[in-house]
Structure formats: structure tokens, C-alpha cells
């Protein structure tokens, strides 16, 4: 398991420079965090006072594993009048010629096109998917200045952490990054969802079959390793973290969702 974890870590978000990273707060005054990293890549947060930017709209970027609720909360915010950008939709559009050639469409079609992680074409298509994801995220961030009239939410993919430090630092500067974190108990549900209704997943070396093991058995064994490696990157990237278990309460509405984010940012001052 340690070898598989190390294989994933080399691909995930690893800040290497001292950076001043503005936090897009939901109230004023704004503050920033600095990520201090050294050999061994340890993360520490230092909060400093920054100038208020009251004229800027709220801009949230939701990150987390597939099935954590990013699309659900994006749709709820959109229903309240927020502008929404879905990275899955953008990736699907750029992959359209290849999907159409195989008779695929929709996000489920993207997953079918990529194939199971032990299939012959998976590595090449995983790389192509990531290339299109980098392009899509870059376009979304560039478009922020043209979308300034109202609050905006960005529905990222679970693999956003593989898009490279340059894009991720841009993302963190321009938006408030909210990590939707699944508990250990909910991880099993994520695995079951992947097995019953696969979505595009970039394994990045975490899928390590053993002799005599079926692909599904490998998924059950290796998916927790993938989650564990990604969790470190989500936490380093995010300005705040919301527990998925709390968000599943039917009484938890958009106001409560935004209130949780505001509360965490205010406590971090």
C-alpha cells in the first residue's frame, strides 16, 4: 500500500514555492494564507491581514472526490441565481470528436470511453482526459473577469489536483476553494458508487493489481489509497473544509451551506 501511495503522491498538488495566496472571503476584510513548504513538503498556514475587496463577487470552487456532492451543491447554488461552471461539461465538449467516434456521450460516456483502469487504452486516454481538463480549467479561470455580474460557483472534477501548480495557484488566488470531505464511513459508499455507476477517475498509478485479483477486487483495495493521497492535496488547496455527512441533512439549505463557509473563513482570521 505504501508503494501505491507514493506512486500517487508524485502526481498530486505539491506546492514548492513560498506564495501569498489570497482567500476569497464571504465577508470583509479579506485575509490571505501563505503555504510554507520545504523538503518533505509539509503544509503550514499563516494568516495575515489583507485589503478588503468588497466590490468582488463571491466565487466558490468546490473540490473533492467523485460523489462527494460538488455537482449537487453547484446546482443548488445555480437555482439561487449563481453563475455556474461545470468542468465535466467542458471536458466532454473538448472530447466530443473522440466520444462520437465510439458512440459515447455524456459523463457516463466519458467514463466508458476511458475504460477500466486495467484496459489497454486507459493510460493513453487518462493522459488525454487530463490534457483536456487542464485546458478547461484554464479557460474557466480566464473567463472570471467576464463573469463579474453575480456570484459564481465552479464545479471541479475529482482530479483537479493533477492539473499542475500554476493552475492550482491561480485557482486559489481567484476563488475560495471549498473541500467537500467524505468520512471514513462514506468512503465505502464512494467505492460502491464507482463500481455500480463509474465516473471518469484518474488513478495515476494507484491501481495496482495483484496476481489472481479481479479488477473489482483491485478497486476495492486500492480506492482507499487513492482517496488518502488525494485528501492531502485537497486539504492543502482548500481555504475551508465541509464534512459531507453534515451536508446530507435534508434541512441543510444554501444559506446554511454558505454560513458554514463564512464561519470557517472568519475563524481562520
Foldseek 3Di string as FASTA:
>chain_A
DVVLLVLLLVQFAQDDDWDWFWAQAPDDDTWTWTFDADVVRDGDTDIDTDGRDVLFAAEEEEEEAPPLCLVVVQVQVVVVPAAEAELLVQLQVVCVVVLVVVPAHDQLSLQVSCPQCVDPNNVVSLVVSLVSSLVSLVVVLVCVVVVGPHYYYYRHHNCPRSSDDVSLSSDRRPHAYEYADEDPVCLVVVLVCCVVRNGDDRSSSQQDDDPPDDSSNSSVVRVVSSNVSSVVRSVNSHPYYDYSVVVPPPVCHPVNVSVVRNVSSVVVD
